[in-house]
Amino acid sequence: MARLDQRHGFPPTVSAADLGARRDATFTRQAGERIADTLASVGVNLNLAPVVDLNVNPTNPIIGSLGRSFSADPAVVTAQVEAFVGGHRSVGC
């Protein structure tokens, strides 16, 4: 769940849950780059994301139900987090 969302004039983003379901590290890295570029454009150079929690309870009101976790599988979460953070780092965020 992005706090800087379309309601506030920012471009749409793909949820961590959707990125994890794709299992495509290249796509996730590109999504991370786009988010970092957007943040940089408004002067933000630090993002306290992504969430690295496992989605072990899909009805959890903070993680699972908001799509903030990449997966319940630790290997998927690890790969997706690495790609997402790599995208941020590639643009200096």
PDB file of N, CA and C in Angstrom:
ATOM      1  N   MET A   1       0.837  -1.171   0.000  1.00  0.00           N
ATOM      2  CA  MET A   1       0.000   0.000   0.000  1.00  0.00           C
ATOM      3  C   MET A   1       0.883   1.235   0.000  1.00  0.00           C
ATOM      4  N   ALA A   2       0.762   2.034  -0.987  1.00  0.00           N
ATOM      5  CA  ALA A   2       1.567   3.245  -1.109  1.00  0.00           C
ATOM      6  C   ALA A   2       0.846   4.415  -0.452  1.00  0.00           C
ATOM      7  N   ARG A   3       1.556   5.142   0.356  1.00  0.00           N
ATOM      8  CA  ARG A   3       0.981   6.343   0.975  1.00  0.00           C
ATOM      9  C   ARG A   3       0.934   7.492  -0.042  1.00  0.00           C
ATOM     10  N   LEU A   4       1.902   7.525  -0.940  1.00  0.00           N
ATOM     11  CA  LEU A   4       1.927   8.536  -2.002  1.00  0.00           C
ATOM     12  C   LEU A   4       1.278   7.905  -3.229  1.00  0.00           C
ATOM     13  N   ASP A   5      -0.040   7.957  -3.257  1.00  0.00           N
ATOM     14  CA  ASP A   5      -0.780   7.242  -4.291  1.00  0.00           C
ATOM     15  C   ASP A   5      -1.457   8.195  -5.272  1.00  0.00           C
ATOM     16  N   GLN A   6      -2.276   7.645  -6.138  1.00  0.00           N
ATOM     17  CA  GLN A   6      -2.933   8.418  -7.190  1.00  0.00           C
ATOM     18  C   GLN A   6      -3.832   9.512  -6.624  1.00  0.00           C
ATOM     19  N   ARG A   7      -4.410   9.286  -5.462  1.00  0.00           N
ATOM     20  CA  ARG A   7      -5.268  10.312  -4.856  1.00  0.00           C
ATOM     21  C   ARG A   7      -4.482  11.584  -4.553  1.00  0.00           C
ATOM     22  N   HIS A   8      -3.159  11.420  -4.406  1.00  0.00           N
ATOM     23  CA  HIS A   8      -2.300  12.553  -4.085  1.00  0.00           C
ATOM     24  C   HIS A   8      -1.437  12.989  -5.280  1.00  0.00           C
ATOM     25  N   GLY A   9      -1.798  12.546  -6.474  1.00  0.00           N
ATOM     26  CA  GLY A   9      -1.117  12.992  -7.684  1.00  0.00           C
ATOM     27  C   GLY A   9       0.089  12.168  -8.099  1.00  0.00           C
ATOM     28  N   PHE A  10       0.289  11.019  -7.492  1.00  0.00           N
ATOM     29  CA  PHE A  10       1.427  10.167  -7.827  1.00  0.00           C
ATOM     30  C   PHE A  10       0.984   9.054  -8.770  1.00  0.00           C
ATOM     31  N   PRO A  11       1.924   8.506  -9.551  1.00  0.00           N
ATOM     32  CA  PRO A  11       1.556   7.429 -10.480  1.00  0.00           C
ATOM     33  C   PRO A  11       1.188   6.154  -9.724  1.00  0.00           C
ATOM     34  N   PRO A  12       0.372   5.308 -10.338  1.00  0.00           N
ATOM     35  CA  PRO A  12       0.004   4.047  -9.700  1.00  0.00           C
ATOM     36  C   PRO A  12       1.225   3.140  -9.536  1.00  0.00           C
ATOM     37  N   THR A  13       1.176   2.290  -8.534  1.00  0.00           N
ATOM     38  CA  THR A  13       2.235   1.305  -8.308  1.00  0.00           C
ATOM     39  C   THR A  13       1.618  -0.080  -8.204  1.00  0.00           C
ATOM     40  N   VAL A  14       2.456  -1.084  -8.338  1.00  0.00           N
ATOM     41  CA  VAL A  14       2.029  -2.471  -8.216  1.00  0.00           C
ATOM     42  C   VAL A  14       2.284  -2.904  -6.777  1.00  0.00           C
ATOM     43  N   SER A  15       1.324  -3.583  -6.164  1.00  0.00           N
ATOM     44  CA  SER A  15       1.490  -4.021  -4.778  1.00  0.00           C
ATOM     45  C   SER A  15       2.567  -5.099  -4.671  1.00  0.00           C
ATOM     46  N   ALA A  16       3.121  -5.214  -3.484  1.00  0.00           N
ATOM     47  CA  ALA A  16       4.108  -6.268  -3.240  1.00  0.00           C
ATOM     48  C   ALA A  16       3.501  -7.643  -3.506  1.00  0.00           C
ATOM     49  N   ALA A  17       2.234  -7.826  -3.109  1.00  0.00           N
ATOM     50  CA  ALA A  17       1.579  -9.118  -3.341  1.00  0.00           C
ATOM     51  C   ALA A  17       1.517  -9.441  -4.832  1.00  0.00           C
ATOM     52  N   ASP A  18       1.184  -8.445  -5.641  1.00  0.00           N
ATOM     53  CA  ASP A  18       1.124  -8.671  -7.092  1.00  0.00           C
ATOM     54  C   ASP A  18       2.509  -8.926  -7.670  1.00  0.00           C
ATOM     55  N   LEU A  19       3.512  -8.198  -7.182  1.00  0.00           N
ATOM     56  CA  LEU A  19       4.885  -8.438  -7.643  1.00  0.00           C
ATOM     57  C   LEU A  19       5.334  -9.851  -7.270  1.00  0.00           C
ATOM     58  N   GLY A  20       5.064 -10.247  -6.038  1.00  0.00           N
ATOM     59  CA  GLY A  20       5.447 -11.591  -5.595  1.00  0.00           C
ATOM     60  C   GLY A  20       4.762 -12.687  -6.385  1.00  0.00           C
ATOM     61  N   ALA A  21       3.503 -12.460  -6.726  1.00  0.00           N
ATOM     62  CA  ALA A  21       2.758 -13.457  -7.496  1.00  0.00           C
ATOM     63  C   ALA A  21       3.345 -13.631  -8.898  1.00  0.00           C
ATOM     64  N   ARG A  22       3.903 -12.571  -9.452  1.00  0.00           N
ATOM     65  CA  ARG A  22       4.533 -12.653 -10.782  1.00  0.00           C
ATOM     66  C   ARG A  22       5.833 -13.458 -10.750  1.00  0.00           C
ATOM     67  N   ARG A  23       6.545 -13.358  -9.630  1.00  0.00           N
ATOM     68  CA  ARG A  23       7.843 -14.035  -9.472  1.00  0.00           C
ATOM     69  C   ARG A  23       8.806 -13.681 -10.606  1.00  0.00           C
ATOM     70  N   ASP A  24       8.852 -12.408 -10.931  1.00  0.00           N
ATOM     71  CA  ASP A  24       9.692 -11.917 -12.008  1.00  0.00           C
ATOM     72  C   ASP A  24      10.598 -10.823 -11.439  1.00  0.00           C
ATOM     73  N   ALA A  25      11.811 -11.205 -11.094  1.00  0.00           N
ATOM     74  CA  ALA A  25      12.737 -10.273 -10.442  1.00  0.00           C
ATOM     75  C   ALA A  25      13.034  -9.054 -11.303  1.00  0.00           C
ATOM     76  N   THR A  26      13.098  -9.230 -12.597  1.00  0.00           N
ATOM     77  CA  THR A  26      13.360  -8.095 -13.485  1.00  0.00           C
ATOM     78  C   THR A  26      12.223  -7.093 -13.422  1.00  0.00           C
ATOM     79  N   PHE A  27      11.006  -7.571 -13.460  1.00  0.00           N
ATOM     80  CA  PHE A  27       9.838  -6.700 -13.364  1.00  0.00           C
ATOM     81  C   PHE A  27       9.818  -5.983 -12.012  1.00  0.00           C
ATOM     82  N   THR A  28      10.135  -6.710 -10.945  1.00  0.00           N
ATOM     83  CA  THR A  28      10.154  -6.111  -9.612  1.00  0.00           C
ATOM     84  C   THR A  28      11.243  -5.062  -9.500  1.00  0.00           C
ATOM     85  N   ARG A  29      12.406  -5.329 -10.067  1.00  0.00           N
ATOM     86  CA  ARG A  29      13.480  -4.335 -10.052  1.00  0.00           C
ATOM     87  C   ARG A  29      13.051  -3.064 -10.787  1.00  0.00           C
ATOM     88  N   GLN A  30      12.410  -3.228 -11.915  1.00  0.00           N
ATOM     89  CA  GLN A  30      11.931  -2.071 -12.677  1.00  0.00           C
ATOM     90  C   GLN A  30      10.864  -1.304 -11.896  1.00  0.00           C
ATOM     91  N   ALA A  31       9.991  -2.009 -11.203  1.00  0.00           N
ATOM     92  CA  ALA A  31       8.979  -1.353 -10.369  1.00  0.00           C
ATOM     93  C   ALA A  31       9.660  -0.562  -9.256  1.00  0.00           C
ATOM     94  N   GLY A  32      10.686  -1.157  -8.653  1.00  0.00           N
ATOM     95  CA  GLY A  32      11.453  -0.452  -7.626  1.00  0.00           C
ATOM     96  C   GLY A  32      12.131   0.790  -8.171  1.00  0.00           C
ATOM     97  N   GLU A  33      12.661   0.702  -9.366  1.00  0.00           N
ATOM     98  CA  GLU A  33      13.297   1.861 -10.005  1.00  0.00           C
ATOM     99  C   GLU A  33      12.286   2.980 -10.253  1.00  0.00           C
ATOM    100  N   ARG A  34      11.110   2.619 -10.755  1.00  0.00           N
ATOM    101  CA  ARG A  34      10.081   3.627 -11.026  1.00  0.00           C
ATOM    102  C   ARG A  34       9.654   4.338  -9.735  1.00  0.00           C
ATOM    103  N   ILE A  35       9.472   3.569  -8.676  1.00  0.00           N
ATOM    104  CA  ILE A  35       9.086   4.163  -7.397  1.00  0.00           C
ATOM    105  C   ILE A  35      10.192   5.086  -6.887  1.00  0.00           C
ATOM    106  N   ALA A  36      11.430   4.635  -6.961  1.00  0.00           N
ATOM    107  CA  ALA A  36      12.559   5.455  -6.506  1.00  0.00           C
ATOM    108  C   ALA A  36      12.682   6.719  -7.336  1.00  0.00           C
ATOM    109  N   ASP A  37      12.466   6.622  -8.636  1.00  0.00           N
ATOM    110  CA  ASP A  37      12.491   7.812  -9.502  1.00  0.00           C
ATOM    111  C   ASP A  37      11.413   8.809  -9.085  1.00  0.00           C
ATOM    112  N   THR A  38      10.222   8.303  -8.810  1.00  0.00           N
ATOM    113  CA  THR A  38       9.132   9.172  -8.374  1.00  0.00           C
ATOM    114  C   THR A  38       9.484   9.850  -7.056  1.00  0.00           C
ATOM    115  N   LEU A  39      10.005   9.083  -6.117  1.00  0.00           N
ATOM    116  CA  LEU A  39      10.389   9.655  -4.827  1.00  0.00           C
ATOM    117  C   LEU A  39      11.449  10.732  -5.006  1.00  0.00           C
ATOM    118  N   ALA A  40      12.449  10.444  -5.807  1.00  0.00           N
ATOM    119  CA  ALA A  40      13.531  11.406  -6.041  1.00  0.00           C
ATOM    120  C   ALA A  40      12.994  12.691  -6.671  1.00  0.00           C
ATOM    121  N   SER A  41      11.989  12.572  -7.513  1.00  0.00           N
ATOM    122  CA  SER A  41      11.444  13.749  -8.196  1.00  0.00           C
ATOM    123  C   SER A  41      10.789  14.737  -7.233  1.00  0.00           C
ATOM    124  N   VAL A  42      10.430  14.265  -6.040  1.00  0.00           N
ATOM    125  CA  VAL A  42       9.832  15.162  -5.043  1.00  0.00           C
ATOM    126  C   VAL A  42      10.761  15.361  -3.845  1.00  0.00           C
ATOM    127  N   GLY A  43      12.035  14.981  -4.020  1.00  0.00           N
ATOM    128  CA  GLY A  43      13.034  15.247  -2.997  1.00  0.00           C
ATOM    129  C   GLY A  43      13.198  14.199  -1.917  1.00  0.00           C
ATOM    130  N   VAL A  44      12.602  13.035  -2.096  1.00  0.00           N
ATOM    131  CA  VAL A  44      12.730  11.954  -1.115  1.00  0.00           C
ATOM    132  C   VAL A  44      13.890  11.061  -1.534  1.00  0.00           C
ATOM    133  N   ASN A  45      14.815  10.785  -0.600  1.00  0.00           N
ATOM    134  CA  ASN A  45      15.951   9.921  -0.926  1.00  0.00           C
ATOM    135  C   ASN A  45      16.033   8.691  -0.025  1.00  0.00           C
ATOM    136  N   LEU A  46      14.985   8.443   0.772  1.00  0.00           N
ATOM    137  CA  LEU A  46      14.935   7.269   1.645  1.00  0.00           C
ATOM    138  C   LEU A  46      13.521   6.718   1.638  1.00  0.00           C
ATOM    139  N   ASN A  47      13.408   5.440   1.392  1.00  0.00           N
ATOM    140  CA  ASN A  47      12.112   4.773   1.392  1.00  0.00           C
ATOM    141  C   ASN A  47      12.168   3.632   2.387  1.00  0.00           C
ATOM    142  N   LEU A  48      11.289   3.630   3.371  1.00  0.00           N
ATOM    143  CA  LEU A  48      11.256   2.562   4.366  1.00  0.00           C
ATOM    144  C   LEU A  48      10.409   1.400   3.853  1.00  0.00           C
ATOM    145  N   ALA A  49      10.708   0.974   2.682  1.00  0.00           N
ATOM    146  CA  ALA A  49      10.024  -0.139   2.038  1.00  0.00           C
ATOM    147  C   ALA A  49      11.088  -0.946   1.312  1.00  0.00           C
ATOM    148  N   PRO A  50      10.824  -2.160   1.016  1.00  0.00           N
ATOM    149  CA  PRO A  50       9.572  -2.877   1.128  1.00  0.00           C
ATOM    150  C   PRO A  50       9.425  -3.579   2.477  1.00  0.00           C
ATOM    151  N   VAL A  51       8.218  -4.048   2.718  1.00  0.00           N
ATOM    152  CA  VAL A  51       7.946  -4.895   3.875  1.00  0.00           C
ATOM    153  C   VAL A  51       8.545  -6.261   3.580  1.00  0.00           C
ATOM    154  N   VAL A  52       9.261  -6.810   4.519  1.00  0.00           N
ATOM    155  CA  VAL A  52       9.860  -8.133   4.297  1.00  0.00           C
ATOM    156  C   VAL A  52       9.183  -9.215   5.133  1.00  0.00           C
ATOM    157  N   ASP A  53       8.006  -8.921   5.630  1.00  0.00           N
ATOM    158  CA  ASP A  53       7.243  -9.918   6.376  1.00  0.00           C
ATOM    159  C   ASP A  53       6.740 -11.019   5.450  1.00  0.00           C
ATOM    160  N   LEU A  54       6.595 -12.205   6.012  1.00  0.00           N
ATOM    161  CA  LEU A  54       5.972 -13.301   5.286  1.00  0.00           C
ATOM    162  C   LEU A  54       4.464 -13.175   5.442  1.00  0.00           C
ATOM    163  N   ASN A  55       3.745 -13.437   4.408  1.00  0.00           N
ATOM    164  CA  ASN A  55       2.282 -13.358   4.455  1.00  0.00           C
ATOM    165  C   ASN A  55       1.703 -14.674   4.972  1.00  0.00           C
ATOM    166  N   VAL A  56       1.958 -14.954   6.228  1.00  0.00           N
ATOM    167  CA  VAL A  56       1.486 -16.211   6.810  1.00  0.00           C
ATOM    168  C   VAL A  56       0.034 -16.128   7.275  1.00  0.00           C
ATOM    169  N   ASN A  57      -0.518 -14.915   7.329  1.00  0.00           N
ATOM    170  CA  ASN A  57      -1.914 -14.726   7.696  1.00  0.00           C
ATOM    171  C   ASN A  57      -2.537 -13.727   6.721  1.00  0.00           C
ATOM    172  N   PRO A  58      -3.112 -14.219   5.627  1.00  0.00           N
ATOM    173  CA  PRO A  58      -3.649 -13.331   4.593  1.00  0.00           C
ATOM    174  C   PRO A  58      -4.712 -12.356   5.095  1.00  0.00           C
ATOM    175  N   THR A  59      -5.331 -12.625   6.257  1.00  0.00           N
ATOM    176  CA  THR A  59      -6.350 -11.712   6.780  1.00  0.00           C
ATOM    177  C   THR A  59      -5.768 -10.701   7.763  1.00  0.00           C
ATOM    178  N   ASN A  60      -4.471 -10.729   7.982  1.00  0.00           N
ATOM    179  CA  ASN A  60      -3.841  -9.749   8.858  1.00  0.00           C
ATOM    180  C   ASN A  60      -4.158  -8.356   8.331  1.00  0.00           C
ATOM    181  N   PRO A  61      -4.708  -7.479   9.165  1.00  0.00           N
ATOM    182  CA  PRO A  61      -5.142  -6.170   8.665  1.00  0.00           C
ATOM    183  C   PRO A  61      -4.008  -5.223   8.273  1.00  0.00           C
ATOM    184  N   ILE A  62      -2.792  -5.521   8.651  1.00  0.00           N
ATOM    185  CA  ILE A  62      -1.668  -4.637   8.345  1.00  0.00           C
ATOM    186  C   ILE A  62      -0.836  -5.153   7.163  1.00  0.00           C
ATOM    187  N   ILE A  63      -0.639  -6.442   7.069  1.00  0.00           N
ATOM    188  CA  ILE A  63       0.243  -7.011   6.041  1.00  0.00           C
ATOM    189  C   ILE A  63      -0.553  -7.715   4.942  1.00  0.00           C
ATOM    190  N   GLY A  64      -1.202  -8.790   5.282  1.00  0.00           N
ATOM    191  CA  GLY A  64      -1.856  -9.627   4.274  1.00  0.00           C
ATOM    192  C   GLY A  64      -2.991  -8.964   3.532  1.00  0.00           C
ATOM    193  N   SER A  65      -3.912  -8.364   4.266  1.00  0.00           N
ATOM    194  CA  SER A  65      -5.093  -7.813   3.600  1.00  0.00           C
ATOM    195  C   SER A  65      -4.790  -6.569   2.773  1.00  0.00           C
ATOM    196  N   LEU A  66      -3.655  -5.932   3.003  1.00  0.00           N
ATOM    197  CA  LEU A  66      -3.274  -4.741   2.233  1.00  0.00           C
ATOM    198  C   LEU A  66      -2.297  -5.043   1.101  1.00  0.00           C
ATOM    199  N   GLY A  67      -1.931  -6.311   0.924  1.00  0.00           N
ATOM    200  CA  GLY A  67      -1.023  -6.680  -0.161  1.00  0.00           C
ATOM    201  C   GLY A  67       0.398  -6.189   0.043  1.00  0.00           C
ATOM    202  N   ARG A  68       0.818  -6.001   1.308  1.00  0.00           N
ATOM    203  CA  ARG A  68       2.136  -5.429   1.596  1.00  0.00           C
ATOM    204  C   ARG A  68       3.257  -6.460   1.616  1.00  0.00           C
ATOM    205  N   SER A  69       2.926  -7.742   1.583  1.00  0.00           N
ATOM    206  CA  SER A  69       3.945  -8.790   1.595  1.00  0.00           C
ATOM    207  C   SER A  69       4.059  -9.406   0.209  1.00  0.00           C
ATOM    208  N   PHE A  70       5.283  -9.766  -0.153  1.00  0.00           N
ATOM    209  CA  PHE A  70       5.496 -10.402  -1.450  1.00  0.00           C
ATOM    210  C   PHE A  70       4.957 -11.824  -1.500  1.00  0.00           C
ATOM    211  N   SER A  71       4.964 -12.527  -0.355  1.00  0.00           N
ATOM    212  CA  SER A  71       4.584 -13.936  -0.384  1.00  0.00           C
ATOM    213  C   SER A  71       4.634 -14.524   1.025  1.00  0.00           C
ATOM    214  N   ALA A  72       4.133 -15.728   1.158  1.00  0.00           N
ATOM    215  CA  ALA A  72       4.307 -16.501   2.388  1.00  0.00           C
ATOM    216  C   ALA A  72       5.575 -17.342   2.303  1.00  0.00           C
ATOM    217  N   ASP A  73       6.147 -17.445   1.127  1.00  0.00           N
ATOM    218  CA  ASP A  73       7.336 -18.260   0.879  1.00  0.00           C
ATOM    219  C   ASP A  73       8.599 -17.415   1.087  1.00  0.00           C
ATOM    220  N   PRO A  74       9.452 -17.802   2.048  1.00  0.00           N
ATOM    221  CA  PRO A  74      10.664 -17.012   2.316  1.00  0.00           C
ATOM    222  C   PRO A  74      11.562 -16.838   1.097  1.00  0.00           C
ATOM    223  N   ALA A  75      11.645 -17.824   0.240  1.00  0.00           N
ATOM    224  CA  ALA A  75      12.509 -17.716  -0.944  1.00  0.00           C
ATOM    225  C   ALA A  75      11.976 -16.659  -1.911  1.00  0.00           C
ATOM    226  N   VAL A  76      10.665 -16.604  -2.071  1.00  0.00           N
ATOM    227  CA  VAL A  76      10.055 -15.602  -2.956  1.00  0.00           C
ATOM    228  C   VAL A  76      10.267 -14.211  -2.375  1.00  0.00           C
ATOM    229  N   VAL A  77      10.023 -14.067  -1.070  1.00  0.00           N
ATOM    230  CA  VAL A  77      10.204 -12.768  -0.424  1.00  0.00           C
ATOM    231  C   VAL A  77      11.648 -12.300  -0.576  1.00  0.00           C
ATOM    232  N   THR A  78      12.594 -13.179  -0.325  1.00  0.00           N
ATOM    233  CA  THR A  78      14.011 -12.825  -0.433  1.00  0.00           C
ATOM    234  C   THR A  78      14.358 -12.344  -1.837  1.00  0.00           C
ATOM    235  N   ALA A  79      13.942 -13.085  -2.850  1.00  0.00           N
ATOM    236  CA  ALA A  79      14.256 -12.719  -4.234  1.00  0.00           C
ATOM    237  C   ALA A  79      13.600 -11.393  -4.624  1.00  0.00           C
ATOM    238  N   GLN A  80      12.354 -11.203  -4.210  1.00  0.00           N
ATOM    239  CA  GLN A  80      11.635  -9.982  -4.563  1.00  0.00           C
ATOM    240  C   GLN A  80      12.203  -8.758  -3.840  1.00  0.00           C
ATOM    241  N   VAL A  81      12.528  -8.921  -2.581  1.00  0.00           N
ATOM    242  CA  VAL A  81      13.119  -7.812  -1.821  1.00  0.00           C
ATOM    243  C   VAL A  81      14.461  -7.417  -2.430  1.00  0.00           C
ATOM    244  N   GLU A  82      15.265  -8.400  -2.768  1.00  0.00           N
ATOM    245  CA  GLU A  82      16.563  -8.112  -3.383  1.00  0.00           C
ATOM    246  C   GLU A  82      16.395  -7.315  -4.676  1.00  0.00           C
ATOM    247  N   ALA A  83      15.425  -7.707  -5.484  1.00  0.00           N
ATOM    248  CA  ALA A  83      15.188  -7.007  -6.749  1.00  0.00           C
ATOM    249  C   ALA A  83      14.651  -5.595  -6.512  1.00  0.00           C
ATOM    250  N   PHE A  84      13.698  -5.448  -5.613  1.00  0.00           N
ATOM    251  CA  PHE A  84      13.084  -4.152  -5.329  1.00  0.00           C
ATOM    252  C   PHE A  84      14.126  -3.177  -4.776  1.00  0.00           C
ATOM    253  N   VAL A  85      14.904  -3.616  -3.796  1.00  0.00           N
ATOM    254  CA  VAL A  85      15.938  -2.769  -3.212  1.00  0.00           C
ATOM    255  C   VAL A  85      17.012  -2.456  -4.257  1.00  0.00           C
ATOM    256  N   GLY A  86      17.340  -3.422  -5.078  1.00  0.00           N
ATOM    257  CA  GLY A  86      18.302  -3.185  -6.161  1.00  0.00           C
ATOM    258  C   GLY A  86      17.843  -2.086  -7.095  1.00  0.00           C
ATOM    259  N   GLY A  87      16.542  -2.059  -7.388  1.00  0.00           N
ATOM    260  CA  GLY A  87      15.991  -1.006  -8.224  1.00  0.00           C
ATOM    261  C   GLY A  87      16.118   0.362  -7.564  1.00  0.00           C
ATOM    262  N   HIS A  88      15.861   0.411  -6.277  1.00  0.00           N
ATOM    263  CA  HIS A  88      16.017   1.673  -5.535  1.00  0.00           C
ATOM    264  C   HIS A  88      17.472   2.131  -5.535  1.00  0.00           C
ATOM    265  N   ARG A  89      18.354   1.214  -5.252  1.00  0.00           N
ATOM    266  CA  ARG A  89      19.776   1.581  -5.179  1.00  0.00           C
ATOM    267  C   ARG A  89      20.310   2.029  -6.527  1.00  0.00           C
ATOM    268  N   SER A  90      19.782   1.463  -7.597  1.00  0.00           N
ATOM    269  CA  SER A  90      20.292   1.830  -8.926  1.00  0.00           C
ATOM    270  C   SER A  90      20.021   3.287  -9.270  1.00  0.00           C
ATOM    271  N   VAL A  91      19.044   3.887  -8.601  1.00  0.00           N
ATOM    272  CA  VAL A  91      18.753   5.305  -8.844  1.00  0.00           C
ATOM    273  C   VAL A  91      19.096   6.173  -7.626  1.00  0.00           C
ATOM    274  N   GLY A  92      19.810   5.609  -6.683  1.00  0.00           N
ATOM    275  CA  GLY A  92      20.323   6.381  -5.558  1.00  0.00           C
ATOM    276  C   GLY A  92      19.376   6.621  -4.411  1.00  0.00           C
ATOM    277  N   CYS A  93      18.388   5.781  -4.271  1.00  0.00           N
ATOM    278  CA  CYS A  93      17.442   5.927  -3.159  1.00  0.00           C
ATOM    279  C   CYS A  93      17.713   4.845  -2.128  1.00  0.00           C
TER     280      CYS A  93
END
